Protein backbone atom coordinates (compact mmCIF):
# COMPACT_ATOMS: atom_id res chain seq x y z
CA MET A 1 -110.78 -3.48 -25.92
CA ARG A 2 -112.34 -1.18 -28.71
CA THR A 3 -111.12 -2.12 -32.51
CA SER A 4 -110.21 0.09 -35.03
CA ILE A 5 -110.02 -2.01 -37.63
CA VAL A 6 -111.56 -1.70 -40.74
CA ILE A 7 -111.85 -4.15 -43.51
CA ASP A 8 -111.78 -3.40 -47.03
CA ARG A 9 -113.97 -5.25 -49.18
CA ALA A 10 -112.44 -4.61 -52.20
CA SER A 11 -109.00 -5.23 -51.37
CA ALA A 12 -107.25 -8.54 -53.03
CA VAL A 13 -105.58 -9.05 -49.14
CA PRO A 14 -108.21 -11.89 -47.62
CA VAL A 15 -110.13 -10.89 -44.74
CA HIS A 16 -108.58 -12.95 -42.49
CA ARG A 17 -105.17 -11.88 -43.40
CA GLN A 18 -106.66 -8.36 -42.89
CA ILE A 19 -107.74 -8.76 -39.40
CA TYR A 20 -104.61 -10.47 -38.32
CA GLU A 21 -102.34 -7.64 -39.41
CA ALA A 22 -104.32 -5.20 -37.58
CA TRP A 23 -104.15 -6.85 -34.52
CA ARG A 24 -100.61 -7.96 -35.39
CA ASP A 25 -99.31 -3.93 -36.33
CA GLY A 26 -101.23 -3.07 -33.35
CA ILE A 27 -99.82 -5.53 -30.25
CA LEU A 28 -96.07 -4.47 -32.15
CA ALA A 29 -96.73 -0.74 -31.85
CA GLY A 30 -97.55 -0.93 -28.31
CA ARG A 31 -101.39 0.10 -28.46
CA PHE A 32 -102.16 -3.36 -26.88
CA ALA A 33 -100.59 -4.00 -23.55
CA GLY A 34 -99.44 -7.74 -22.63
CA GLY A 35 -102.40 -9.30 -20.90
CA GLU A 36 -104.94 -7.24 -22.18
CA ARG A 37 -107.90 -9.37 -23.07
CA MET A 38 -109.23 -9.55 -26.50
CA PRO A 39 -113.26 -9.37 -27.88
CA SER A 40 -114.51 -12.88 -28.83
CA THR A 41 -114.75 -14.40 -32.14
CA ARG A 42 -118.12 -14.03 -32.11
CA GLU A 43 -118.29 -10.18 -30.76
CA LEU A 44 -115.55 -9.19 -33.42
CA ALA A 45 -117.34 -11.05 -36.34
CA ARG A 46 -120.50 -9.31 -35.42
CA ALA A 47 -118.56 -5.67 -35.14
CA LEU A 48 -116.64 -6.58 -38.73
CA GLY A 49 -120.12 -8.28 -40.20
CA THR A 50 -117.97 -11.15 -41.60
CA SER A 51 -118.36 -14.80 -40.55
CA ARG A 52 -117.10 -16.03 -37.13
CA SER A 53 -114.80 -18.38 -39.19
CA THR A 54 -112.83 -15.12 -40.30
CA VAL A 55 -111.96 -14.11 -36.96
CA THR A 56 -111.60 -17.52 -35.97
CA GLN A 57 -109.06 -18.05 -38.54
CA ALA A 58 -107.11 -14.87 -37.90
CA TYR A 59 -106.91 -15.37 -34.27
CA GLU A 60 -105.49 -18.91 -34.97
CA GLN A 61 -102.65 -17.51 -36.51
CA LEU A 62 -102.04 -14.80 -34.26
CA ILE A 63 -102.05 -17.60 -31.45
CA ALA A 64 -99.40 -19.72 -33.56
CA GLU A 65 -96.64 -16.79 -33.85
CA GLY A 66 -97.28 -15.82 -30.05
CA TYR A 67 -98.76 -12.63 -30.37
CA LEU A 68 -102.05 -13.69 -28.36
CA GLU A 69 -102.45 -16.31 -26.16
CA SER A 70 -105.73 -18.69 -25.37
CA VAL A 71 -106.26 -19.26 -21.47
CA HIS A 72 -109.28 -21.87 -21.65
CA GLY A 73 -112.54 -21.13 -20.15
CA SER A 74 -111.25 -17.57 -19.80
CA GLY A 75 -110.73 -16.51 -23.41
CA THR A 76 -108.04 -14.94 -25.45
CA TYR A 77 -105.36 -12.12 -24.66
CA VAL A 78 -102.63 -10.28 -25.56
CA SER A 79 -99.41 -12.23 -25.35
CA ARG A 80 -97.36 -11.66 -21.71
CA GLU A 81 -94.34 -13.25 -23.18
CA LEU A 82 -93.23 -10.68 -26.10
CA PRO A 83 -89.86 -9.22 -25.45
CA ASP A 84 -90.85 -5.77 -23.77
CA ASP A 85 -89.01 -3.98 -26.92
CA LEU A 86 -91.15 -5.12 -29.47
CA ARG A 87 -94.49 -3.76 -27.36
CA ARG A 88 -92.64 -0.30 -26.62
CA PRO A 89 -93.75 2.70 -28.65
CA ARG A 90 -91.51 3.34 -31.48
CA SER A 91 -89.44 6.70 -30.56
CA PRO A 92 -88.30 8.74 -33.84
CA GLY A 93 -84.34 7.91 -33.75
CA PRO A 94 -81.11 10.31 -34.48
CA SER A 95 -82.60 10.58 -38.15
CA GLY A 96 -85.73 11.65 -37.19
CA ARG A 97 -87.87 8.52 -38.42
CA ALA A 98 -89.60 6.17 -36.20
CA GLY A 99 -88.07 3.09 -36.19
CA THR A 100 -85.06 3.70 -37.75
CA PRO A 101 -81.89 1.57 -36.45
CA THR A 102 -78.91 3.33 -36.06
CA PHE A 103 -75.59 1.19 -37.06
CA ARG A 104 -72.13 1.40 -36.42
CA LEU A 105 -70.74 1.31 -39.76
CA SER A 106 -67.20 -0.66 -40.49
CA ALA A 107 -63.99 1.16 -42.09
CA LEU A 108 -64.78 -0.56 -45.40
CA ALA A 109 -68.21 0.68 -45.56
CA GLN A 110 -67.39 4.10 -44.86
CA ARG A 111 -64.90 4.42 -47.89
CA LEU A 112 -67.67 3.23 -50.27
CA GLY A 113 -68.23 6.39 -52.30
CA ALA A 114 -71.29 6.67 -53.82
CA ALA A 115 -72.16 5.09 -57.10
CA ARG A 116 -72.30 6.83 -60.32
CA PRO A 117 -75.85 8.03 -61.21
CA VAL A 118 -76.67 6.99 -64.64
CA ALA A 119 -78.54 10.19 -66.00
CA ASP A 120 -81.95 9.25 -67.75
CA ARG A 121 -82.24 10.84 -71.02
CA ALA A 122 -84.61 13.69 -71.33
CA PRO A 123 -86.79 13.71 -73.92
CA GLY A 124 -86.01 15.28 -76.57
CA SER A 125 -82.25 15.16 -75.85
CA ILE A 126 -79.21 13.84 -77.80
CA ASP A 127 -77.15 12.30 -74.95
CA PHE A 128 -73.69 11.67 -75.77
CA THR A 129 -73.29 10.65 -71.98
CA ARG A 130 -73.53 6.69 -72.86
CA LEU A 131 -70.32 5.09 -73.44
CA GLY A 132 -71.29 1.27 -74.06
CA PRO A 133 -72.03 -0.50 -76.80
CA ASP A 134 -75.52 0.00 -79.66
CA VAL A 135 -77.34 -3.24 -78.16
CA GLU A 136 -79.74 -2.63 -80.84
CA GLN A 137 -77.15 -4.29 -83.00
CA PHE A 138 -76.75 -7.51 -80.99
CA PRO A 139 -77.66 -10.57 -82.83
CA PHE A 140 -80.14 -11.57 -80.49
CA THR A 141 -81.75 -14.29 -82.22
CA THR A 142 -78.31 -15.82 -82.78
CA TRP A 143 -78.01 -15.99 -78.80
CA HIS A 144 -81.34 -17.41 -78.29
CA ARG A 145 -80.51 -20.12 -80.48
CA LEU A 146 -77.29 -20.66 -78.46
CA LEU A 147 -79.32 -20.45 -75.08
CA ASN A 148 -82.52 -23.04 -76.35
CA ARG A 149 -79.25 -25.37 -77.50
CA GLN A 150 -77.97 -25.74 -74.09
CA LEU A 151 -81.70 -26.17 -72.68
CA ARG A 152 -82.61 -28.19 -74.89
CA ASN A 153 -80.49 -31.54 -73.49
CA PRO A 154 -78.64 -29.76 -70.51
CA PRO A 155 -76.35 -32.03 -68.38
CA GLY A 156 -77.61 -31.45 -64.41
CA ALA A 157 -74.26 -29.84 -63.76
CA LEU A 158 -75.51 -26.57 -66.07
CA PHE A 159 -77.68 -25.78 -63.01
CA ASP A 160 -75.90 -26.92 -59.86
CA TYR A 161 -73.51 -25.30 -58.29
CA ALA A 162 -70.21 -25.48 -60.34
CA GLY A 163 -67.61 -28.00 -59.86
CA ASP A 164 -64.66 -25.04 -60.40
CA ALA A 165 -65.34 -21.48 -59.26
CA ALA A 166 -62.54 -20.40 -62.14
CA GLY A 167 -65.30 -20.98 -64.71
CA ASP A 168 -66.88 -22.99 -67.30
CA PRO A 169 -63.85 -24.93 -68.85
CA ARG A 170 -65.36 -24.71 -72.57
CA LEU A 171 -65.41 -20.65 -71.63
CA ARG A 172 -62.10 -20.61 -70.06
CA ALA A 173 -60.30 -22.31 -72.93
CA GLN A 174 -62.08 -20.52 -75.83
CA ILE A 175 -61.35 -17.34 -73.82
CA ALA A 176 -57.71 -18.34 -73.69
CA ALA A 177 -57.68 -19.06 -77.65
CA TYR A 178 -59.46 -15.99 -78.34
CA VAL A 179 -57.24 -13.45 -76.54
CA ALA A 180 -54.38 -15.21 -78.15
CA ARG A 181 -55.61 -14.36 -81.78
CA SER A 182 -57.13 -11.51 -80.87
CA ARG A 183 -54.59 -9.81 -78.51
CA ALA A 184 -51.71 -11.74 -78.32
CA VAL A 185 -52.23 -12.86 -74.99
CA SER A 186 -50.01 -15.67 -73.95
CA CYS A 187 -51.91 -18.16 -71.52
CA THR A 188 -53.56 -20.72 -70.45
CA ALA A 189 -56.95 -22.01 -69.97
CA GLU A 190 -55.64 -22.90 -66.42
CA GLN A 191 -55.05 -19.18 -66.16
CA VAL A 192 -58.52 -17.56 -67.10
CA VAL A 193 -60.86 -17.34 -64.14
CA VAL A 194 -64.26 -15.97 -65.14
CA LEU A 195 -65.60 -13.09 -63.19
CA SER A 196 -68.50 -10.77 -63.37
CA GLY A 197 -67.02 -7.71 -65.27
CA SER A 198 -63.66 -5.60 -64.99
CA GLN A 199 -64.94 -4.22 -61.91
CA GLN A 200 -64.75 -8.06 -59.90
CA ALA A 201 -61.06 -8.42 -61.61
CA ILE A 202 -59.91 -5.25 -59.70
CA ASP A 203 -61.44 -5.27 -56.58
CA PHE A 204 -60.01 -9.62 -56.80
CA SER A 205 -56.30 -7.66 -57.41
CA ALA A 206 -56.87 -5.38 -54.63
CA ARG A 207 -57.75 -7.84 -51.89
CA LEU A 208 -55.37 -10.20 -52.70
CA LEU A 209 -52.05 -8.03 -53.22
CA LEU A 210 -53.09 -4.75 -51.27
CA ASP A 211 -53.02 -4.20 -47.56
CA PRO A 212 -55.19 -1.39 -46.52
CA GLY A 213 -52.83 1.77 -46.23
CA GLU A 214 -50.92 0.38 -49.33
CA PRO A 215 -50.32 2.84 -52.37
CA ALA A 216 -52.19 1.77 -55.62
CA VAL A 217 -51.20 3.86 -58.54
CA VAL A 218 -54.18 5.02 -61.19
CA GLU A 219 -53.85 7.16 -64.18
CA GLU A 220 -54.42 10.69 -64.03
CA PRO A 221 -57.20 11.23 -65.53
CA GLY A 222 -58.69 7.88 -65.06
CA TYR A 223 -61.79 5.80 -64.77
CA PRO A 224 -63.63 6.74 -61.11
CA GLY A 225 -65.43 2.96 -60.78
CA HIS A 226 -62.46 1.32 -60.04
CA ARG A 227 -60.44 4.22 -58.56
CA ARG A 228 -63.67 3.54 -55.84
CA VAL A 229 -62.89 0.14 -55.87
CA LEU A 230 -59.14 0.68 -54.37
CA GLU A 231 -60.15 3.47 -52.05
CA ALA A 232 -62.98 0.61 -50.99
CA CYS A 233 -60.10 -1.89 -50.59
CA GLY A 234 -57.90 0.50 -48.08
CA ALA A 235 -55.81 1.15 -50.73
CA GLN A 236 -53.55 4.75 -50.88
CA LEU A 237 -54.39 6.23 -54.33
CA CYS A 238 -51.74 7.47 -56.00
CA PRO A 239 -52.25 9.21 -58.90
CA VAL A 240 -49.51 9.05 -61.96
CA PRO A 241 -50.10 11.97 -64.91
CA VAL A 242 -50.91 10.71 -68.13
CA ASP A 243 -49.06 12.42 -71.78
CA ALA A 244 -49.25 11.46 -75.86
CA GLU A 245 -47.66 8.30 -74.79
CA GLY A 246 -49.62 7.11 -72.13
CA LEU A 247 -48.98 6.60 -68.21
CA VAL A 248 -45.37 8.65 -67.66
CA VAL A 249 -43.28 5.60 -66.01
CA GLU A 250 -40.89 8.38 -64.70
CA ALA A 251 -43.48 9.61 -62.04
CA LEU A 252 -44.16 6.43 -60.54
CA PRO A 253 -43.83 5.77 -56.84
CA ALA A 254 -41.10 3.56 -55.71
CA GLN A 255 -43.30 1.96 -53.08
CA ALA A 256 -46.30 1.27 -55.41
CA ARG A 257 -46.84 -2.69 -55.35
CA LEU A 258 -50.22 -2.55 -58.00
CA VAL A 259 -50.22 -0.23 -61.43
CA TYR A 260 -53.58 0.09 -62.89
CA VAL A 261 -53.34 0.98 -66.60
CA THR A 262 -55.53 1.37 -69.59
CA PRO A 263 -52.40 0.87 -72.03
CA SER A 264 -54.38 0.10 -75.44
CA HIS A 265 -56.95 2.89 -75.62
CA GLN A 266 -56.45 5.32 -71.92
CA PHE A 267 -59.52 6.42 -70.63
CA PRO A 268 -61.09 8.89 -70.71
CA THR A 269 -58.36 10.95 -73.07
CA GLY A 270 -58.03 8.02 -75.38
CA VAL A 271 -54.05 8.04 -75.86
CA SER A 272 -52.44 4.50 -76.00
CA MET A 273 -49.19 4.04 -74.44
CA SER A 274 -46.34 3.50 -76.56
CA LEU A 275 -44.06 0.48 -76.89
CA PRO A 276 -41.22 1.66 -74.84
CA ARG A 277 -43.37 2.98 -72.32
CA ARG A 278 -44.99 -0.43 -72.24
CA LEU A 279 -41.57 -1.96 -72.42
CA ALA A 280 -40.12 0.12 -69.19
CA LEU A 281 -43.25 -0.30 -67.44
CA LEU A 282 -43.19 -4.29 -67.01
CA ASP A 283 -39.21 -3.68 -66.42
CA TRP A 284 -40.04 -1.46 -63.67
CA ALA A 285 -42.73 -3.59 -62.14
CA ALA A 286 -40.46 -6.67 -62.43
CA ARG A 287 -37.60 -5.36 -60.36
CA ARG A 288 -39.97 -3.65 -58.01
CA GLY A 289 -42.44 -6.69 -57.14
CA ALA A 290 -45.23 -5.14 -58.49
CA VAL A 291 -48.41 -5.96 -60.50
CA ILE A 292 -49.77 -3.99 -63.33
CA VAL A 293 -53.41 -4.48 -63.96
CA GLU A 294 -54.22 -4.41 -67.67
CA ASP A 295 -57.72 -3.47 -68.49
CA ASP A 296 -58.01 -3.82 -72.05
CA TYR A 297 -61.81 -2.86 -72.34
CA ASP A 298 -62.46 -2.02 -75.31
CA SER A 299 -59.22 -2.27 -77.65
CA GLU A 300 -60.94 -4.76 -79.98
CA TYR A 301 -62.65 -0.80 -81.56
CA ARG A 302 -59.49 0.51 -83.82
CA TYR A 303 -60.19 2.25 -86.75
CA HIS A 304 -56.82 2.43 -88.13
CA GLY A 305 -54.81 -0.86 -88.23
CA PRO A 306 -55.10 -3.93 -86.31
CA PRO A 307 -55.53 -3.82 -82.28
CA LEU A 308 -52.47 -3.23 -80.63
CA PRO A 309 -51.12 -6.57 -79.01
CA ALA A 310 -51.68 -6.76 -74.64
CA MET A 311 -49.05 -5.49 -72.84
CA GLN A 312 -49.15 -8.91 -71.10
CA GLY A 313 -47.82 -11.23 -73.96
CA LEU A 314 -44.94 -8.68 -74.29
CA MET A 315 -42.93 -10.25 -71.70
CA THR A 316 -42.40 -14.15 -70.55
CA ASN A 317 -44.03 -14.34 -67.12
CA ALA A 318 -45.16 -11.21 -67.45
CA PRO A 319 -46.15 -9.18 -63.85
CA VAL A 320 -49.06 -8.34 -65.10
CA ILE A 321 -53.45 -9.44 -64.31
CA TYR A 322 -54.75 -8.83 -67.73
CA CYS A 323 -58.40 -8.14 -67.38
CA GLY A 324 -61.48 -8.49 -70.30
CA SER A 325 -65.26 -7.89 -70.66
CA PHE A 326 -68.14 -9.02 -72.85
CA SER A 327 -69.79 -6.00 -71.91
CA LYS A 328 -68.56 -3.77 -74.65
CA VAL A 329 -68.12 -6.27 -77.60
CA MET A 330 -71.85 -7.86 -76.93
CA PHE A 331 -74.16 -6.26 -74.14
CA PRO A 332 -73.65 -5.29 -70.32
CA GLY A 333 -76.64 -7.05 -68.86
CA LEU A 334 -74.40 -10.30 -69.98
CA ARG A 335 -72.39 -9.77 -66.87
CA ILE A 336 -69.30 -12.03 -67.90
CA GLY A 337 -65.52 -11.08 -68.19
CA TYR A 338 -62.13 -12.50 -67.19
CA ALA A 339 -59.42 -12.36 -65.51
CA ILE A 340 -55.86 -13.90 -67.13
CA VAL A 341 -53.53 -14.12 -63.71
CA PRO A 342 -50.03 -15.09 -63.27
CA SER A 343 -49.84 -18.54 -62.24
CA GLU A 344 -48.96 -17.74 -58.80
CA LEU A 345 -52.48 -16.27 -58.59
CA ILE A 346 -54.38 -18.92 -59.66
CA THR A 347 -55.22 -20.44 -56.80
CA PRO A 348 -56.00 -16.83 -54.92
CA PHE A 349 -58.42 -15.81 -57.35
CA ARG A 350 -60.22 -18.98 -57.26
CA ARG A 351 -60.60 -18.94 -53.96
CA LEU A 352 -61.72 -15.82 -53.24
CA LYS A 353 -64.08 -16.44 -56.63
CA TRP A 354 -65.58 -19.04 -54.57
CA LEU A 355 -65.63 -17.55 -51.44
CA THR A 356 -67.44 -14.22 -52.54
CA ASP A 357 -69.49 -15.07 -55.27
CA ARG A 358 -69.16 -18.85 -55.86
CA GLN A 359 -69.84 -18.70 -59.62
CA ASN A 360 -71.11 -16.90 -62.91
CA PRO A 361 -74.43 -18.53 -64.06
CA GLY A 362 -73.76 -22.06 -66.14
CA LEU A 363 -76.16 -21.32 -68.71
CA GLU A 364 -74.85 -17.60 -69.70
CA GLN A 365 -71.17 -19.31 -69.74
CA ALA A 366 -72.32 -22.31 -72.21
CA ALA A 367 -73.79 -20.24 -74.41
CA LEU A 368 -70.98 -17.94 -74.57
CA ALA A 369 -68.20 -20.57 -75.51
CA ASP A 370 -70.70 -21.93 -78.10
CA PHE A 371 -70.76 -17.98 -79.35
CA ILE A 372 -67.53 -18.06 -78.99
CA ALA A 373 -66.59 -21.12 -80.69
CA ASP A 374 -69.05 -20.96 -83.71
CA GLY A 375 -67.32 -17.30 -85.04
CA HIS A 376 -70.38 -15.16 -84.25
CA LEU A 377 -68.36 -12.84 -81.41
CA GLU A 378 -65.35 -12.22 -83.77
CA ARG A 379 -68.30 -11.93 -86.94
CA HIS A 380 -69.83 -9.59 -84.62
CA ILE A 381 -66.80 -7.25 -83.60
CA ARG A 382 -65.84 -6.95 -87.06
CA ARG A 383 -69.72 -5.78 -87.83
CA MET A 384 -68.91 -3.23 -85.11
CA ARG A 385 -65.75 -2.10 -85.59
CA ARG A 386 -67.18 -1.07 -89.33
CA LEU A 387 -69.78 1.01 -87.89
CA TYR A 388 -68.39 2.35 -84.44
CA GLY A 389 -65.46 3.62 -86.77
CA GLN A 390 -67.87 5.45 -89.38
CA ARG A 391 -69.80 6.92 -86.40
CA ARG A 392 -66.74 8.35 -84.99
CA ALA A 393 -66.04 9.54 -88.67
CA VAL A 394 -68.89 11.67 -88.36
CA LEU A 395 -68.75 13.02 -85.14
CA VAL A 396 -64.71 14.19 -86.18
CA GLU A 397 -66.45 15.81 -89.44
CA SER A 398 -69.46 17.34 -87.68
CA LEU A 399 -67.15 19.07 -85.07
CA ALA A 400 -64.72 20.32 -87.51
CA GLU A 401 -67.38 21.37 -89.27
CA HIS A 402 -69.21 23.51 -86.49
CA PHE A 403 -66.04 24.41 -84.13
CA GLY A 404 -63.21 24.30 -86.65
CA GLU A 405 -59.94 24.41 -84.49
CA ALA A 406 -62.24 25.27 -81.82
CA ALA A 407 -62.78 21.96 -81.10
CA GLN A 408 -59.94 19.46 -80.12
CA VAL A 409 -60.18 15.95 -80.68
CA LEU A 410 -57.61 14.04 -78.62
CA GLY A 411 -56.68 10.19 -78.47
CA ASP A 412 -56.55 7.71 -81.02
CA ALA A 413 -58.95 6.64 -83.80
CA ALA A 414 -60.36 3.82 -81.41
CA GLY A 415 -62.68 3.08 -78.61
CA MET A 416 -66.48 3.94 -78.07
CA HIS A 417 -65.92 7.70 -76.60
CA VAL A 418 -63.80 10.71 -78.18
CA MET A 419 -62.15 13.33 -75.45
CA VAL A 420 -62.69 16.81 -76.82
CA ARG A 421 -61.47 20.19 -75.87
CA PHE A 422 -63.49 22.82 -77.03
CA ALA A 423 -62.03 26.67 -76.92
CA ASP A 424 -65.18 28.23 -76.53
CA PRO A 425 -66.37 28.56 -72.96
CA ASP A 426 -70.25 28.33 -73.45
CA VAL A 427 -70.38 24.93 -74.71
CA ALA A 428 -72.09 23.84 -71.49
CA GLU A 429 -74.45 26.13 -71.55
CA ARG A 430 -75.70 25.59 -75.08
CA ALA A 431 -75.49 22.04 -74.43
CA ARG A 432 -78.04 22.51 -71.57
CA ARG A 433 -80.17 25.12 -73.06
CA HIS A 434 -80.33 22.56 -76.42
CA LYS A 435 -80.90 19.60 -74.51
CA VAL A 436 -77.53 17.97 -75.36
CA GLN A 437 -75.96 15.83 -72.58
CA LEU A 438 -72.31 15.55 -72.30
CA ILE A 439 -69.97 14.36 -69.34
CA ASP A 440 -67.66 16.92 -68.41
CA ALA A 441 -63.85 15.37 -68.03
CA ALA A 442 -63.46 16.92 -64.92
CA ALA A 443 -65.13 14.03 -63.34
CA TYR A 444 -62.29 11.37 -64.22
CA HIS A 445 -59.82 14.00 -62.64
CA LEU A 446 -58.46 13.30 -59.11
CA GLU A 447 -56.10 16.90 -59.55
CA GLY A 448 -56.85 19.81 -61.43
CA ALA A 449 -59.08 19.48 -64.11
CA PRO A 450 -58.83 20.98 -67.36
CA SER A 451 -61.89 23.41 -68.31
CA GLY A 452 -63.85 22.61 -71.44
CA ALA A 453 -62.77 19.22 -71.86
CA TYR A 454 -65.59 16.79 -72.29
CA VAL A 455 -66.06 12.67 -73.28
CA LEU A 456 -68.68 12.47 -76.04
CA GLY A 457 -69.95 8.40 -76.68
CA TYR A 458 -70.58 7.76 -79.99
CA ALA A 459 -71.04 4.13 -80.28
CA PRO A 460 -75.14 3.76 -79.09
CA LEU A 461 -76.18 6.80 -81.42
CA GLY A 462 -77.21 6.89 -85.17
CA GLU A 463 -75.36 9.45 -87.38
CA ARG A 464 -78.30 11.71 -87.69
CA ALA A 465 -78.21 12.04 -83.88
CA ILE A 466 -74.68 12.64 -83.73
CA ARG A 467 -74.76 15.59 -86.53
CA GLU A 468 -77.74 17.00 -84.75
CA GLY A 469 -75.92 16.81 -81.41
CA VAL A 470 -72.86 18.52 -82.62
CA ARG A 471 -75.01 20.92 -84.36
CA ARG A 472 -77.00 22.35 -81.09
CA LEU A 473 -73.85 22.33 -79.48
CA ALA A 474 -72.63 25.12 -81.95
CA ALA A 475 -76.09 26.74 -82.08
CA GLY A 476 -76.37 30.22 -80.76
C-alpha cells in the first residue's frame, strides 16, 4: 500500500493526529478496501520521517475506533467490518455536491419562510432601517452591578433547571406590577409567562389555539415576522385592513379564531386603535369565542400624553393574550419577553414552554427583577422617551423643511419609527445614490402595497445623522 500522507510540521495539529485523520479520511472515501494490509509502524515512520511511537499512537486510535484491525503475527489491516456504504466512494447527489443527503421535509419545514436578513450598514451610509433602540444609551454599568449582585451569593437554583417553566416568580410579580402601573393591564403574577420575546408568544398562541388550516386575522399592512410564525403553524392568514382608527372590525371574517393586533401603535402605519374600535373588537371576540393577541411592542414611547391603556384591561376576563418584550425598552440581546394569558390558558402555556424551551436564563431573570424593582427600568424609559421624542421631532422637522407637503408623516407621535409617504417618485433612487438605507413599506403588505411609502427608524440615530439623511434624500 502506497501512502500519500503529507505531514505539516508547522501545523498546530499534532503529527499523530494528522496521520490518524489521513488514514480515516482515506478509508471513508473508499480509497482503501476492507482487508487491505497497512504498512508497518516502522515502515511508515521511516517514510514520514517521524518516530515509530507517533505512528503507533495513530494506529491505536484507528484500531480503537474500528477503522483498522490487528491480526496477531500477521499485521494490521483495513477493517472488513465497516458498512459497505461508508466505504463506497461518494457520488454527487441531486444538488451536485458530493455526499449531500436528500431529506424529505415535513409540511411545517416547507411552510417556513426565509428570515428577513438584517442589512449590513454600508460605509458612509445613514441607516433608517434599524427599528430598535439606541443600545448605547442603556445603563450597562447598572446592569452589570445587578448581575454581579446575583453572582456574589447565588442560590443553587439560579443555575439549575427551574422548578416552574413560567419563569422566575419575582420577575413575574414585578412584570405584573409594572404593566398594571404603566398600561392598566389587569392580571396576577400567575397569569404571566416569561418567554424569549413576542415572537415566541405568537408561536405559542398559534400552536395552542389553532389547528392547521384554521383562519387567523392579521393587520394589513402588518409585521411580517409574526405573519410567518402563523403561516408556519399552518394558519390560514386573513388580512384585514387598517385605517386611521386601526383595525377595521367590520371587515373581520366570522370564522376567525385568532386576531393579531398592535392597537397602541400599529406596525408599521403608527396609528392607534380608537376606543370604540377596541371595545367593538373585544365584544366581537367575546361573542364568537375568538382570542385577541395584543402585541404591545413599543407603547412606552408616546410623545403626546400618557401611554394608552392596554386593550386587555378594558374588559373583565378579556379574551386577550397580552404580549410584551424588553427588547425595545432595554436591548434586543436580552431575549426576555412575556405573555399575560387568561386563566384558562395558564396551564397550556406553561406546559408548552417546558416542553419546547424549558426556561429562560435564571441569572438574567433575577437581575431583571431587581432592575424593575429598584426603579431603573422606568427611569430609563422616561429618559429614552425624551430622547426619542426629540429625534422624532427632528425627523419630522427635516422632512417638512426639505420636502414640504410632498412628504406625509403617517400615524401618531409615538414609537421608534415613522411611516412616510413621498409624492416624489425618485426618492428610492436618490437614497441608493446618496447612501441612505430605507425600508419600502411594500415589505409589510400582503396585498396591493402603495408606492412611495417608506418606514424610517430614527431611535438609534443622532440628530445630526437624521438631518443629514433627510438632506441626502432631497438632494438632486
